[in-house]
């Protein structure tokens, strides 16, 4: 029933269209006939006026002229209708042959011209589609956040970087809903009023993270049908600012760490110069000199260790792009490090237990660098561990794991070496920063045990070079677990 109704409706539409076409055709035919018959009928009127023809003869002659004009005009109108239908078919892309025309000549030339016009339109359409596709791809692949807004600050369009940086519903929001930063809103308003671009630096919180952006606002250069008034480009400078701050902190901390022992040594050297003049007792002078020399030796060793750690860190960073192809038995590395550090553990009566490290898979890397990694972690576990406690070292082969950015995409397995201690633990607020240069959880205690604040920073860079990472879990009063994750080739 529905199909029948649909067919009836279609037939009605076709019939109505044909009726309108025929009405237009006969309207044109009558007009053309009238125009053609005007001059002859004017002559007939003059003949009647001068009594050369009777009135009846004049009327019959006028009707005959009009009918003759219709017979004369009809073939031309038929040709024009056919030609119009032919051009209409070509404009919609329908393939058709040129019509056979009775009175209008050069139809082949006309059809060729129309076909050329159609081809040029097609080429222009393809060029336009390609340009639009290129613009769309460029718009969505730009790594910076790109927004297009209207004069009311409504976001009309946002690229993929904007959607990923903020939220999925960004396209239907207003700029004021996206950020509360008055600096950006003011900058956009000034650009819309003045007509030329401006730059502003803002801080935004989105997806539970704080980001810094360098924002460039430009007025849209042409009148937009969509109502685009301005373009906003937001370059994420969070990492850049973090690195600048790290460099600033590094220079300040390095200067402080070197200046402190150096000042101490210089002070004791000055004291040694005047010791003979101020103290007459030879035995006291001898003991004082020994005390001063012991302190200067300790401070000198502290500076030497700091410089060695700085060199190790620099080496780890500079060698970041070098390929590592040395097969390394991690079990051998760990056991060698434990044997070397056993005397330090014995001094605090700490027991180191190695569990199920046998049959550890081979990894590609550097034996010496991985030895430095485990030396840093295990020595920290001893330094900050409680007396008469224990350190447990174990392994896991993981096939289901969270993948860090530096890990190979074809990596199917990870070797996890965990070092668990029973120290004081690290509070949650310190965990994200413990691998930063010179960062110390307890500065006083760290200096007392001889720490430079660079060990875990070196560890992080070496593991990154090995396409691995370091995972730290800790609980205050219970202890910490440092897990080295290395891809298995």
Protein backbone atom coordinates (compact mmCIF):
# COMPACT_ATOMS: atom_id res chain seq x y z
CA UNK A 1 0.00 0.00 0.00
CA UNK A 2 2.79 2.41 0.95
CA UNK A 3 4.66 1.54 -2.26
CA UNK A 4 1.53 2.25 -4.33
CA UNK A 5 1.03 5.59 -2.60
CA UNK A 6 4.66 6.48 -3.26
CA UNK A 7 4.33 5.64 -6.98
CA UNK A 8 1.10 7.65 -7.26
CA UNK A 9 2.80 10.63 -5.58
CA UNK A 10 5.75 10.33 -7.97
CA UNK A 11 3.45 10.20 -11.02
CA UNK A 12 1.61 13.27 -9.77
CA UNK A 13 4.89 15.16 -9.43
CA UNK A 14 5.95 14.13 -12.97
CA UNK A 15 2.56 15.11 -14.39
CA UNK A 16 2.67 18.47 -12.61
CA UNK A 17 6.18 19.13 -13.90
CA UNK A 18 5.14 18.30 -17.49
CA UNK A 19 2.09 20.57 -17.15
CA UNK A 20 4.26 23.49 -16.02
CA UNK A 21 6.72 22.85 -18.86
CA UNK A 22 3.92 22.82 -21.46
CA UNK A 23 2.38 26.00 -20.05
CA UNK A 24 5.75 27.73 -20.27
CA UNK A 25 6.24 26.39 -23.81
CA UNK A 26 2.93 27.68 -25.16
CA UNK A 27 3.39 30.97 -23.34
CA UNK A 28 6.71 31.46 -25.12
CA UNK A 29 5.17 30.35 -28.45
CA UNK A 30 2.38 32.91 -28.19
CA UNK A 31 4.77 35.70 -27.23
CA UNK A 32 7.15 34.84 -30.07
CA UNK A 33 4.29 34.68 -32.58
CA UNK A 34 2.97 38.04 -31.46
CA UNK A 35 6.40 39.63 -31.76
CA UNK A 36 6.95 38.16 -35.26
CA UNK A 37 3.48 39.19 -36.48
CA UNK A 38 3.64 42.79 -35.26
CA UNK A 39 5.26 44.27 -38.39
CA UNK A 40 3.08 42.41 -40.96
CA UNK A 41 -0.07 43.22 -39.00
CA UNK A 42 0.91 46.90 -38.90
CA UNK A 43 1.12 46.79 -42.72
CA UNK A 44 -2.31 45.17 -42.90
CA UNK A 45 -3.71 47.91 -40.66
CA UNK A 46 -2.36 50.56 -43.06
CA UNK A 47 -3.91 48.79 -46.05
CA UNK A 48 -7.26 48.68 -44.27
CA UNK A 49 -6.86 52.32 -43.26
CA UNK A 50 -6.35 53.40 -46.90
CA UNK A 51 -9.21 51.21 -48.08
CA UNK A 52 -6.96 48.83 -49.96
CA UNK A 53 -8.43 45.97 -47.89
CA UNK A 54 -11.79 45.61 -46.27
CA UNK A 55 -12.06 45.23 -42.51
CA UNK A 56 -12.98 41.56 -42.81
CA UNK A 57 -10.06 40.95 -45.16
CA UNK A 58 -7.77 42.75 -42.73
CA UNK A 59 -8.95 40.64 -39.78
CA UNK A 60 -8.59 37.41 -41.73
CA UNK A 61 -5.15 38.52 -42.97
CA UNK A 62 -4.04 39.33 -39.40
CA UNK A 63 -5.20 35.92 -38.15
CA UNK A 64 -3.41 34.24 -41.07
CA UNK A 65 -0.20 36.19 -40.33
CA UNK A 66 -0.40 35.23 -36.62
CA UNK A 67 -0.93 31.54 -37.44
CA UNK A 68 1.93 31.70 -39.94
CA UNK A 69 4.13 33.26 -37.24
CA UNK A 70 3.24 30.39 -34.91
CA UNK A 71 4.15 27.84 -37.58
CA UNK A 72 7.40 29.73 -38.20
CA UNK A 73 8.31 30.13 -34.49
CA UNK A 74 7.37 26.60 -33.35
CA UNK A 75 10.40 24.80 -34.89
CA UNK A 76 12.76 27.36 -33.38
CA UNK A 77 11.11 27.00 -29.97
CA UNK A 78 11.28 23.21 -30.28
CA UNK A 79 15.00 23.49 -31.04
CA UNK A 80 15.52 25.88 -28.13
CA UNK A 81 13.61 23.56 -25.76
CA UNK A 82 15.70 20.58 -26.87
CA UNK A 83 18.87 22.62 -26.53
CA UNK A 84 17.84 23.84 -23.06
CA UNK A 85 17.09 20.28 -21.94
CA UNK A 86 20.47 19.18 -23.36
CA UNK A 87 22.34 21.91 -21.45
CA UNK A 88 20.39 21.09 -18.27
CA UNK A 89 21.43 17.44 -18.59
CA UNK A 90 25.07 18.43 -19.03
CA UNK A 91 25.07 20.78 -16.04
CA UNK A 92 23.90 17.99 -13.71
CA UNK A 93 26.51 15.61 -15.10
CA UNK A 94 24.08 13.41 -17.08
CA UNK A 95 25.65 11.85 -20.17
CA UNK A 96 23.53 12.61 -23.28
CA UNK A 97 23.89 13.10 -27.02
CA UNK A 98 23.46 16.49 -28.71
CA UNK A 99 19.84 16.89 -29.93
CA UNK A 100 18.88 16.92 -33.63
CA UNK A 101 17.91 20.51 -34.45
CA UNK A 102 15.93 21.56 -37.52
CA UNK A 103 16.58 25.28 -37.76
CA UNK A 104 19.40 26.19 -35.33
CA UNK A 105 22.84 25.52 -36.82
CA UNK A 106 26.26 24.88 -35.18
CA UNK A 107 24.79 22.72 -32.42
CA UNK A 108 27.93 20.57 -32.42
CA UNK A 109 30.07 23.62 -31.77
CA UNK A 110 27.67 24.75 -29.05
CA UNK A 111 27.67 21.32 -27.43
CA UNK A 112 31.48 21.25 -27.52
CA UNK A 113 31.57 24.63 -25.81
CA UNK A 114 29.12 23.42 -23.19
CA UNK A 115 31.14 20.22 -22.67
CA UNK A 116 34.33 22.26 -22.29
CA UNK A 117 32.56 24.45 -19.78
CA UNK A 118 31.35 21.37 -17.93
CA UNK A 119 34.88 19.89 -17.93
CA UNK A 120 36.36 23.12 -16.59
CA UNK A 121 33.70 23.23 -13.89
CA UNK A 122 34.56 19.64 -13.00
CA UNK A 123 38.28 20.43 -12.83
CA UNK A 124 37.64 23.48 -10.67
CA UNK A 125 35.37 21.41 -8.42
CA UNK A 126 38.09 18.75 -8.02
CA UNK A 127 40.70 21.43 -7.29
CA UNK A 128 38.38 23.03 -4.74
CA UNK A 129 37.66 19.67 -3.08
CA UNK A 130 41.40 18.90 -2.95
CA UNK A 131 42.16 22.33 -1.46
CA UNK A 132 39.40 21.88 1.14
CA UNK A 133 40.69 18.39 1.99
CA UNK A 134 44.27 19.69 2.33
CA UNK A 135 43.09 22.55 4.54
CA UNK A 136 41.06 20.17 6.69
CA UNK A 137 43.98 17.75 7.07
CA UNK A 138 46.37 20.59 7.86
CA UNK A 139 43.89 22.05 10.36
CA UNK A 140 43.46 18.75 12.21
CA UNK A 141 47.13 17.68 12.15
CA UNK A 142 48.60 20.92 13.52
CA UNK A 143 50.09 19.93 16.90
CA UNK A 144 49.12 23.24 18.49
CA UNK A 145 45.61 23.95 19.75
CA UNK A 146 43.68 25.87 17.08
CA UNK A 147 40.28 27.46 17.68
CA UNK A 148 38.00 29.52 15.45
CA UNK A 149 35.54 31.80 17.25
CA UNK A 150 32.82 34.28 16.34
CA UNK A 151 32.38 37.82 17.64
CA UNK A 152 30.46 36.47 20.67
CA UNK A 153 33.42 34.18 21.56
CA UNK A 154 31.50 31.03 20.60
CA UNK A 155 33.87 28.26 19.46
CA UNK A 156 32.84 27.40 15.89
CA UNK A 157 35.61 24.96 15.10
CA UNK A 158 38.41 23.22 16.99
CA UNK A 159 41.17 20.92 15.73
CA UNK A 160 42.07 17.50 17.12
CA UNK A 161 44.76 18.94 19.41
CA UNK A 162 42.14 21.16 21.05
CA UNK A 163 39.71 18.27 21.54
CA UNK A 164 42.45 16.07 23.03
CA UNK A 165 43.81 18.83 25.27
CA UNK A 166 40.48 19.91 26.70
CA UNK A 167 37.21 18.01 26.33
CA UNK A 168 34.99 16.40 23.71
CA UNK A 169 32.25 19.03 23.93
CA UNK A 170 34.56 21.94 23.17
CA UNK A 171 32.98 22.73 19.79
CA UNK A 172 29.62 23.68 21.31
CA UNK A 173 31.03 25.80 24.11
CA UNK A 174 31.94 29.42 24.54
CA UNK A 175 35.52 30.55 25.08
CA UNK A 176 34.50 31.87 28.50
CA UNK A 177 33.31 28.37 29.45
CA UNK A 178 36.60 26.84 28.35
CA UNK A 179 38.84 29.10 30.43
CA UNK A 180 38.48 31.53 33.29
CA UNK A 181 41.69 33.33 32.35
CA UNK A 182 40.77 37.01 32.06
CA UNK A 183 43.99 37.73 30.15
CA UNK A 184 42.91 35.61 27.18
CA UNK A 185 39.35 36.99 27.12
CA UNK A 186 40.70 40.55 27.26
CA UNK A 187 43.26 39.83 24.52
CA UNK A 188 40.60 38.40 22.18
CA UNK A 189 38.32 41.40 22.79
CA UNK A 190 41.13 43.84 21.98
CA UNK A 191 42.03 41.96 18.79
CA UNK A 192 38.41 42.04 17.59
CA UNK A 193 38.20 45.77 18.30
CA UNK A 194 41.64 46.82 16.98
CA UNK A 195 41.79 44.50 14.00
CA UNK A 196 45.36 43.24 14.46
CA UNK A 197 46.82 40.27 16.33
CA UNK A 198 48.27 39.96 19.81
CA UNK A 199 50.01 37.40 22.04
CA UNK A 200 49.40 36.46 25.67
CA UNK A 201 50.69 33.75 28.04
CA UNK A 202 48.09 31.90 30.11
CA UNK A 203 47.80 28.99 32.55
CA UNK A 204 44.87 26.57 32.22
CA UNK A 205 43.64 23.59 34.18
CA UNK A 206 42.06 20.80 32.14
CA UNK A 207 41.71 17.05 32.53
CA UNK A 208 43.09 17.39 36.07
CA UNK A 209 46.39 18.85 34.87
CA UNK A 210 47.81 22.35 34.73
CA UNK A 211 49.14 23.56 31.37
CA UNK A 212 50.91 26.73 30.29
CA UNK A 213 50.15 28.13 26.82
CA UNK A 214 51.58 30.87 24.63
CA UNK A 215 48.43 32.12 22.88
CA UNK A 216 48.43 33.97 19.53
CA UNK A 217 45.16 35.66 18.56
CA UNK A 218 44.60 36.89 14.99
CA UNK A 219 41.53 38.51 13.46
CA UNK A 220 40.08 36.45 10.59
CA UNK A 221 41.38 38.21 7.44
CA UNK A 222 38.26 37.78 5.25
CA UNK A 223 34.52 37.91 5.77
CA UNK A 224 33.36 34.44 6.81
CA UNK A 225 30.00 32.94 5.88
CA UNK A 226 30.23 30.80 9.04
CA UNK A 227 30.75 33.92 11.14
CA UNK A 228 34.41 33.29 12.03
CA UNK A 229 35.80 36.46 13.60
CA UNK A 230 39.16 35.38 15.06
CA UNK A 231 41.62 32.49 15.07
CA UNK A 232 43.33 31.41 18.30
CA UNK A 233 46.55 29.34 18.26
CA UNK A 234 47.67 27.94 21.62
CA UNK A 235 51.22 26.58 21.85
CA UNK A 236 51.81 24.34 24.87
CA UNK A 237 54.89 25.64 26.71
CA UNK A 238 54.38 23.56 29.87
CA UNK A 239 57.37 21.31 29.22
CA UNK A 240 59.50 24.25 28.05
CA UNK A 241 58.79 26.18 31.25
CA UNK A 242 59.40 23.06 33.33
CA UNK A 243 62.79 22.55 31.66
CA UNK A 244 63.72 26.19 32.18
CA UNK A 245 62.80 25.89 35.84
CA UNK A 246 64.75 22.63 36.12
CA UNK A 247 67.79 24.30 34.53
CA UNK A 248 67.45 27.25 36.88
CA UNK A 249 67.13 24.94 39.88
CA UNK A 250 70.00 22.81 38.61
CA UNK A 251 72.37 25.76 38.31
CA UNK A 252 71.32 27.08 41.72
CA UNK A 253 71.61 23.66 43.39
CA UNK A 254 74.89 22.76 41.67
CA UNK A 255 76.39 26.11 42.68
CA UNK A 256 75.20 25.62 46.25
CA UNK A 257 76.42 22.02 46.46
CA UNK A 258 79.89 22.99 45.21
CA UNK A 259 80.14 26.29 47.07
CA UNK A 260 79.27 24.80 50.48
CA UNK A 261 82.16 22.29 50.75
CA UNK A 262 84.53 24.67 48.94
CA UNK A 263 83.76 27.43 51.46
CA UNK A 264 84.34 24.94 54.27
CA UNK A 265 87.74 23.89 52.88
CA UNK A 266 88.80 27.52 52.35
CA UNK A 267 87.79 28.35 55.93
CA UNK A 268 89.84 25.54 57.39
CA UNK A 269 92.83 26.50 55.24
CA UNK A 270 92.65 30.02 56.71
CA UNK A 271 92.48 28.53 60.20
CA UNK A 272 95.53 26.39 59.49
CA UNK A 273 97.51 29.50 58.53
CA UNK A 274 97.01 31.09 61.94
CA UNK A 275 97.02 27.89 64.01
CA UNK A 276 100.75 28.05 64.90
CA UNK A 277 100.43 31.66 66.03
CA UNK A 278 97.30 31.10 68.14
CA UNK A 279 98.16 27.76 69.76
CA UNK A 280 101.47 27.04 71.51
CA UNK A 281 100.71 23.47 72.59
CA UNK A 282 102.20 21.13 69.97
CA UNK A 283 99.86 18.22 70.80
CA UNK A 284 96.76 20.39 70.49
CA UNK A 285 98.07 21.79 67.21
CA UNK A 286 98.62 18.25 65.89
CA UNK A 287 95.13 17.09 66.87
CA UNK A 288 93.55 20.25 65.45
CA UNK A 289 95.43 19.86 62.16
CA UNK A 290 94.28 16.22 61.92
CA UNK A 291 90.69 17.25 62.61
CA UNK A 292 90.87 20.02 59.99
CA UNK A 293 92.45 17.71 57.40
CA UNK A 294 89.83 15.03 58.04
CA UNK A 295 87.03 17.56 57.51
CA UNK A 296 88.69 18.97 54.38
CA UNK A 297 89.17 15.43 53.02
CA UNK A 298 85.50 14.68 53.66
CA UNK A 299 84.39 17.89 51.92
CA UNK A 300 86.79 17.28 49.02
CA UNK A 301 85.42 13.74 48.59
CA UNK A 302 81.92 15.20 48.65
CA UNK A 303 82.84 17.60 45.81
CA UNK A 304 84.51 14.78 43.87
CA UNK A 305 81.43 12.57 44.21
CA UNK A 306 79.20 15.45 43.11
CA UNK A 307 81.36 16.11 40.04
CA UNK A 308 81.43 12.39 39.19
CA UNK A 309 77.64 12.25 39.43
CA UNK A 310 77.33 15.35 37.25
CA UNK A 311 79.59 13.74 34.65
CA UNK A 312 77.56 10.51 34.82
CA UNK A 313 74.33 12.44 34.36
CA UNK A 314 75.77 14.40 31.43
CA UNK A 315 77.01 11.18 29.84
CA UNK A 316 73.62 9.49 30.27
CA UNK A 317 71.88 12.44 28.60
CA UNK A 318 74.42 12.81 25.76
CA UNK A 319 74.35 9.08 24.92
CA UNK A 320 70.55 9.03 24.83
CA UNK A 321 70.38 8.43 21.07
CA UNK A 322 73.12 5.78 20.82
CA UNK A 323 72.00 2.25 19.97
CA UNK A 324 72.51 -0.43 22.63
CA UNK A 325 73.28 -3.91 21.34
CA UNK A 326 75.24 -5.59 24.16
CA UNK A 327 73.45 -8.70 25.54
CA UNK A 328 73.27 -8.27 29.33
CA UNK A 329 72.47 -10.90 31.94
CA UNK A 330 70.60 -8.82 34.54
CA UNK A 331 70.98 -11.53 37.20
CA UNK A 332 74.77 -11.26 36.94
CA UNK A 333 74.56 -7.46 37.21
CA UNK A 334 72.41 -7.57 40.35
CA UNK A 335 74.52 -10.23 42.10
CA UNK A 336 77.75 -8.34 41.31
CA UNK A 337 76.28 -5.11 42.75
CA UNK A 338 75.01 -6.90 45.88
CA UNK A 339 78.43 -8.49 46.49
CA UNK A 340 80.07 -5.09 46.17
CA UNK A 341 77.66 -3.42 48.62
CA UNK A 342 77.39 -6.24 51.17
CA UNK A 343 79.90 -4.59 53.53
CA UNK A 344 77.69 -1.47 53.74
CA UNK A 345 74.67 -3.63 54.58
CA UNK A 346 76.68 -5.54 57.20
CA UNK A 347 77.53 -2.29 58.98
CA UNK A 348 73.79 -1.71 59.59
CA UNK A 349 73.05 -5.44 59.98
CA UNK A 350 70.75 -5.31 56.96
CA UNK A 351 70.04 -8.62 55.24
CA UNK A 352 69.81 -8.62 51.42
CA UNK A 353 67.67 -11.44 50.03
CA UNK A 354 67.79 -12.32 46.32
CA UNK A 355 64.74 -14.27 45.18
CA UNK A 356 64.09 -16.16 41.88
CA UNK A 357 66.55 -14.15 39.75
CA UNK A 358 67.79 -17.31 38.06
CA UNK A 359 66.83 -17.80 34.40
CA UNK A 360 66.33 -14.07 33.94
CA UNK A 361 66.01 -13.24 30.22
CA UNK A 362 68.79 -11.42 28.41
CA UNK A 363 68.25 -7.73 27.66
CA UNK A 364 70.09 -5.48 25.21
CA UNK A 365 71.94 -2.63 26.86
CA UNK A 366 75.13 -1.67 28.67
CA UNK A 367 76.42 -3.82 31.53
CA UNK A 368 78.20 -0.88 33.18
CA UNK A 369 75.20 1.45 32.95
CA UNK A 370 72.77 -1.14 34.34
CA UNK A 371 75.30 -1.82 37.11
CA UNK A 372 75.17 1.90 37.96
CA UNK A 373 71.34 1.76 38.02
CA UNK A 374 71.20 -1.10 40.52
CA UNK A 375 74.09 0.38 42.53
CA UNK A 376 72.16 3.63 42.96
CA UNK A 377 68.93 1.90 43.98
CA UNK A 378 70.41 -0.77 46.29
CA UNK A 379 72.84 1.66 47.96
CA UNK A 380 69.90 4.01 48.65
CA UNK A 381 67.96 1.09 50.15
CA UNK A 382 70.92 0.44 52.48
CA UNK A 383 71.55 4.12 53.34
CA UNK A 384 67.93 4.91 54.17
CA UNK A 385 66.96 1.48 55.49
CA UNK A 386 66.49 0.77 59.17
CA UNK A 387 69.14 -1.13 61.14
CA UNK A 388 68.55 -4.89 61.28
CA UNK A 389 65.99 -4.66 58.47
CA UNK A 390 66.00 -6.53 55.16
CA UNK A 391 66.08 -5.78 51.45
CA UNK A 392 64.29 -8.12 49.04
CA UNK A 393 65.23 -8.33 45.35
CA UNK A 394 62.90 -10.26 43.02
CA UNK A 395 61.92 -10.55 39.36
CA UNK A 396 58.72 -10.82 37.34
CA UNK A 397 58.24 -11.43 33.62
CA UNK A 398 55.26 -9.30 32.60
CA UNK A 399 53.24 -9.76 29.40
CA UNK A 400 50.37 -7.46 30.38
CA UNK A 401 51.79 -4.05 31.25
CA UNK A 402 51.37 -0.30 30.83
CA UNK A 403 53.66 0.87 28.03
CA UNK A 404 55.89 3.93 28.41
CA UNK A 405 56.45 6.18 25.40
CA UNK A 406 60.08 5.10 24.98
CA UNK A 407 59.31 1.36 24.92
CA UNK A 408 59.40 -0.39 21.51
CA UNK A 409 55.98 -0.94 19.95
CA UNK A 410 56.84 -4.58 19.23
CA UNK A 411 57.78 -5.25 22.86
CA UNK A 412 55.74 -8.22 24.13
CA UNK A 413 57.44 -8.85 27.49
CA UNK A 414 59.03 -6.82 30.28
CA UNK A 415 61.61 -7.87 32.83
CA UNK A 416 60.69 -6.35 36.20
CA UNK A 417 63.38 -6.25 38.92
CA UNK A 418 61.97 -5.02 42.24
CA UNK A 419 64.10 -3.79 45.17
CA UNK A 420 61.97 -3.61 48.33
CA UNK A 421 63.32 -2.04 51.53
CA UNK A 422 62.01 -1.48 55.06
CA UNK A 423 63.02 2.15 55.41
CA UNK A 424 61.03 5.16 56.52
CA UNK A 425 59.19 5.35 53.20
CA UNK A 426 58.44 8.38 51.01
CA UNK A 427 55.29 10.48 51.29
CA UNK A 428 53.03 10.56 48.23
CA UNK A 429 53.68 14.25 47.55
CA UNK A 430 57.40 13.60 46.94
CA UNK A 431 57.04 10.57 44.63
CA UNK A 432 56.52 12.47 41.32
CA UNK A 433 59.73 14.49 41.87
CA UNK A 434 62.23 12.03 43.34
CA UNK A 435 63.95 11.51 39.96
CA UNK A 436 64.56 15.25 39.48
CA UNK A 437 68.11 16.55 39.78
CA UNK A 438 69.12 17.53 43.32
CA UNK A 439 65.65 16.74 44.66
CA UNK A 440 65.85 15.35 48.17
CA UNK A 441 63.00 14.14 50.37
CA UNK A 442 65.02 14.79 53.55
CA UNK A 443 67.88 17.18 52.71
CA UNK A 444 69.58 16.97 56.10
CA UNK A 445 69.56 13.18 56.20
CA UNK A 446 70.58 12.93 52.55
CA UNK A 447 73.71 15.03 53.13
CA UNK A 448 74.49 13.08 56.30
CA UNK A 449 74.58 9.78 54.39
CA UNK A 450 76.56 11.32 51.53
CA UNK A 451 73.84 11.77 48.92
CA UNK A 452 74.17 14.29 46.08
CA UNK A 453 70.56 14.24 44.91
CA UNK A 454 71.59 13.03 41.44
CA UNK A 455 71.50 9.24 41.78
CA UNK A 456 67.88 8.67 40.77
CA UNK A 457 68.11 11.31 38.02
CA UNK A 458 71.02 9.33 36.54
CA UNK A 459 69.02 6.12 36.98
CA UNK A 460 66.02 7.56 35.12
CA UNK A 461 68.13 8.71 32.15
CA UNK A 462 69.98 5.40 31.88
CA UNK A 463 66.72 3.41 31.95
CA UNK A 464 65.20 5.74 29.36
CA UNK A 465 68.21 5.03 27.14
CA UNK A 466 67.48 1.31 27.64
CA UNK A 467 63.83 1.90 26.57
CA UNK A 468 62.78 1.13 30.14
CA UNK A 469 61.61 3.05 33.16
CA UNK A 470 61.52 3.18 36.96
CA UNK A 471 58.33 2.69 38.99
CA UNK A 472 58.36 3.74 42.65
CA UNK A 473 55.84 2.68 45.29
CA UNK A 474 56.19 3.76 48.90
CA UNK A 475 54.32 4.01 52.17
CA UNK A 476 55.44 6.11 55.11
CA UNK A 477 56.70 4.02 58.01
CA UNK A 478 56.62 0.80 55.96
CA UNK A 479 59.19 1.15 53.18
CA UNK A 480 59.63 1.60 49.45
CA UNK A 481 59.73 -0.60 46.36
CA UNK A 482 61.77 0.51 43.35
CA UNK A 483 60.95 -1.51 40.22
CA UNK A 484 63.21 -1.41 37.17
CA UNK A 485 61.29 -2.26 33.98
CA UNK A 486 63.31 -3.37 30.95
CA UNK A 487 61.98 -4.62 27.59
CA UNK A 488 62.91 -8.20 26.73
CA UNK A 489 64.09 -8.57 23.12
